[in-house]
Amino acid sequence: MAFKRKSKVSAEIPSSAMSDIAFLLLVFFMTTTIFNVEKGIPVQLPQPGPPTEIKQNVVVTVKVAQDGSIYLDSVDNPKAIPSLSLLQDELERRDIRLGGPGKLNVIFEVDPKADFEMMIDVFDEIRKANIQKLALVIE
């Protein structure tokens, strides 16, 4: 007496639970992922009202040229800054000469064709000098 085998191995993968598993994995990764939120640069906008007048002797313009050179312009002493490391010292020296921290106003001007990394490096040096009043010139 011969027995017939009825069990055949199926060649397909059951996909009825695949969508459930994919959905559960999606929910799991969405709830456990931590997103880094960049804080950016804190900006304090001026209060509405009449413009305040500033004396020219407390204003310094930091310019970044297209070739990456840095210039420090003021009414009494225009000069080129030979290296990035000297910018912070020069700004701190001029701020102290005016009577203490927070007295110097800086206008930061960058050529549109200048290197972005150079602009960020100069901006970091200005922040290290503890400049409280900074104006950005955008073209």
Protein backbone atom coordinates (compact mmCIF):
# COMPACT_ATOMS: atom_id res chain seq x y z
CA MET A 1 0.00 0.00 0.00
CA ALA A 2 1.48 3.27 -1.14
CA PHE A 3 0.86 6.50 0.66
CA LYS A 4 0.55 9.76 -1.22
CA ARG A 5 2.38 12.71 0.14
CA LYS A 6 0.21 15.77 0.26
CA SER A 7 2.67 18.20 1.86
CA LYS A 8 4.49 20.24 -0.67
CA VAL A 9 6.88 23.02 0.25
CA SER A 10 5.52 26.32 -0.93
CA ALA A 11 7.89 28.47 -3.01
CA GLU A 12 6.46 31.81 -1.87
CA ILE A 13 7.06 33.84 1.26
CA PRO A 14 3.95 34.69 3.22
CA SER A 15 3.54 38.44 3.08
CA SER A 16 0.38 38.91 5.07
CA ALA A 17 2.26 40.11 8.18
CA MET A 18 4.95 42.12 6.34
CA SER A 19 2.98 45.35 6.37
CA ASP A 20 2.31 45.01 10.10
CA ILE A 21 5.98 44.46 10.84
CA ALA A 22 7.02 47.38 8.62
CA PHE A 23 4.52 49.66 10.34
CA LEU A 24 5.68 48.61 13.82
CA LEU A 25 9.32 49.19 12.87
CA LEU A 26 8.45 52.59 11.46
CA VAL A 27 6.62 53.60 14.64
CA PHE A 28 9.46 52.26 16.79
CA PHE A 29 12.17 54.22 14.99
CA MET A 30 10.08 57.39 14.86
CA THR A 31 9.48 57.33 18.61
CA THR A 32 13.04 56.44 19.62
CA THR A 33 14.97 58.74 17.29
CA ILE A 34 16.37 61.90 18.83
CA PHE A 35 16.69 64.83 16.47
CA ASN A 36 19.47 67.36 16.98
CA VAL A 37 18.02 70.82 17.09
CA GLU A 38 20.52 73.49 16.15
CA LYS A 39 20.19 76.53 18.31
CA GLY A 40 21.81 78.87 15.81
CA ILE A 41 23.09 82.31 16.61
CA PRO A 42 21.10 84.21 19.21
CA VAL A 43 19.96 87.49 17.72
CA GLN A 44 18.52 90.39 19.64
CA LEU A 45 16.66 92.71 17.32
CA PRO A 46 16.46 96.42 18.10
CA GLN A 47 13.35 97.78 19.77
CA PRO A 48 10.97 99.82 17.62
CA GLY A 49 11.31 103.54 17.96
CA PRO A 50 13.45 106.37 16.77
CA PRO A 51 16.97 105.45 15.64
CA THR A 52 19.77 106.13 18.06
CA GLU A 53 22.78 108.12 16.97
CA ILE A 54 26.19 106.56 17.47
CA LYS A 55 29.46 108.46 17.53
CA GLN A 56 31.85 107.56 14.73
CA ASN A 57 34.76 106.96 17.12
CA VAL A 58 33.02 103.90 18.63
CA VAL A 59 32.32 102.21 15.28
CA VAL A 60 34.68 99.74 13.62
CA THR A 61 34.04 98.01 10.31
CA VAL A 62 35.42 94.50 9.82
CA LYS A 63 35.58 93.67 6.11
CA VAL A 64 36.35 90.32 4.51
CA ALA A 65 37.49 90.73 0.92
CA GLN A 66 36.98 88.27 -1.92
CA ASP A 67 40.53 86.92 -1.56
CA GLY A 68 40.01 86.27 2.18
CA SER A 69 41.98 89.24 3.49
CA ILE A 70 40.62 91.02 6.56
CA TYR A 71 40.43 94.79 6.95
CA LEU A 72 39.61 96.76 10.06
CA ASP A 73 38.38 100.26 9.29
CA SER A 74 37.62 103.05 11.70
CA VAL A 75 37.75 106.81 11.59
CA ASP A 76 41.06 107.10 13.41
CA ASN A 77 42.94 103.95 12.38
CA PRO A 78 42.26 102.00 9.17
CA LYS A 79 44.46 98.91 8.83
CA ALA A 80 44.76 95.45 7.32
CA ILE A 81 44.81 92.47 9.66
CA PRO A 82 47.54 90.04 8.53
CA SER A 83 46.14 86.97 10.29
CA LEU A 84 42.87 85.83 11.77
CA SER A 85 44.37 85.34 15.23
CA LEU A 86 45.19 89.05 15.56
CA LEU A 87 41.60 90.19 14.91
CA GLN A 88 40.31 89.26 18.36
CA ASP A 89 43.23 91.01 20.10
CA GLU A 90 42.76 94.16 18.02
CA LEU A 91 39.01 94.33 18.71
CA GLU A 92 39.52 93.77 22.45
CA ARG A 93 42.23 96.45 22.53
CA ARG A 94 39.97 98.99 20.82
CA ASP A 95 37.04 98.10 23.10
CA ILE A 96 39.13 98.60 26.23
CA ARG A 97 40.49 101.87 24.85
CA LEU A 98 36.90 103.14 24.61
CA GLY A 99 36.25 102.48 28.28
CA GLY A 100 35.33 98.88 28.82
CA PRO A 101 33.61 95.88 27.36
CA GLY A 102 30.50 96.54 25.35
CA LYS A 103 31.40 100.05 24.19
CA LEU A 104 32.61 99.10 20.69
CA ASN A 105 30.13 98.81 17.80
CA VAL A 106 31.21 96.50 14.98
CA ILE A 107 29.89 96.50 11.43
CA PHE A 108 30.65 93.15 9.77
CA GLU A 109 30.82 93.32 5.99
CA VAL A 110 31.64 90.37 3.74
CA ASP A 111 32.20 90.33 0.00
CA PRO A 112 29.55 88.10 -1.65
CA LYS A 113 32.28 86.14 -3.46
CA ALA A 114 34.34 85.54 -0.32
CA ASP A 115 34.81 82.05 1.10
CA PHE A 116 31.99 81.05 3.47
CA GLU A 117 34.38 79.31 5.86
CA MET A 118 36.44 82.50 6.16
CA MET A 119 33.30 84.47 6.98
CA ILE A 120 32.41 82.05 9.79
CA ASP A 121 35.97 82.13 11.16
CA VAL A 122 35.96 85.95 11.27
CA PHE A 123 32.51 85.95 12.87
CA ASP A 124 33.76 83.53 15.55
CA GLU A 125 36.72 85.82 16.29
CA ILE A 126 34.36 88.78 16.67
CA ARG A 127 32.23 86.78 19.13
CA LYS A 128 35.36 85.71 21.07
CA ALA A 129 36.21 89.40 21.49
CA ASN A 130 32.93 89.76 23.43
CA ILE A 131 31.45 92.34 21.08
CA GLN A 132 27.91 93.14 22.22
CA LYS A 133 26.79 95.41 19.37
CA LEU A 134 27.22 93.89 15.93
CA ALA A 135 25.65 94.89 12.63
CA LEU A 136 25.72 92.58 9.62
CA VAL A 137 25.87 94.07 6.13
CA ILE A 138 24.03 91.85 3.65
CA GLU A 139 24.24 92.54 -0.05
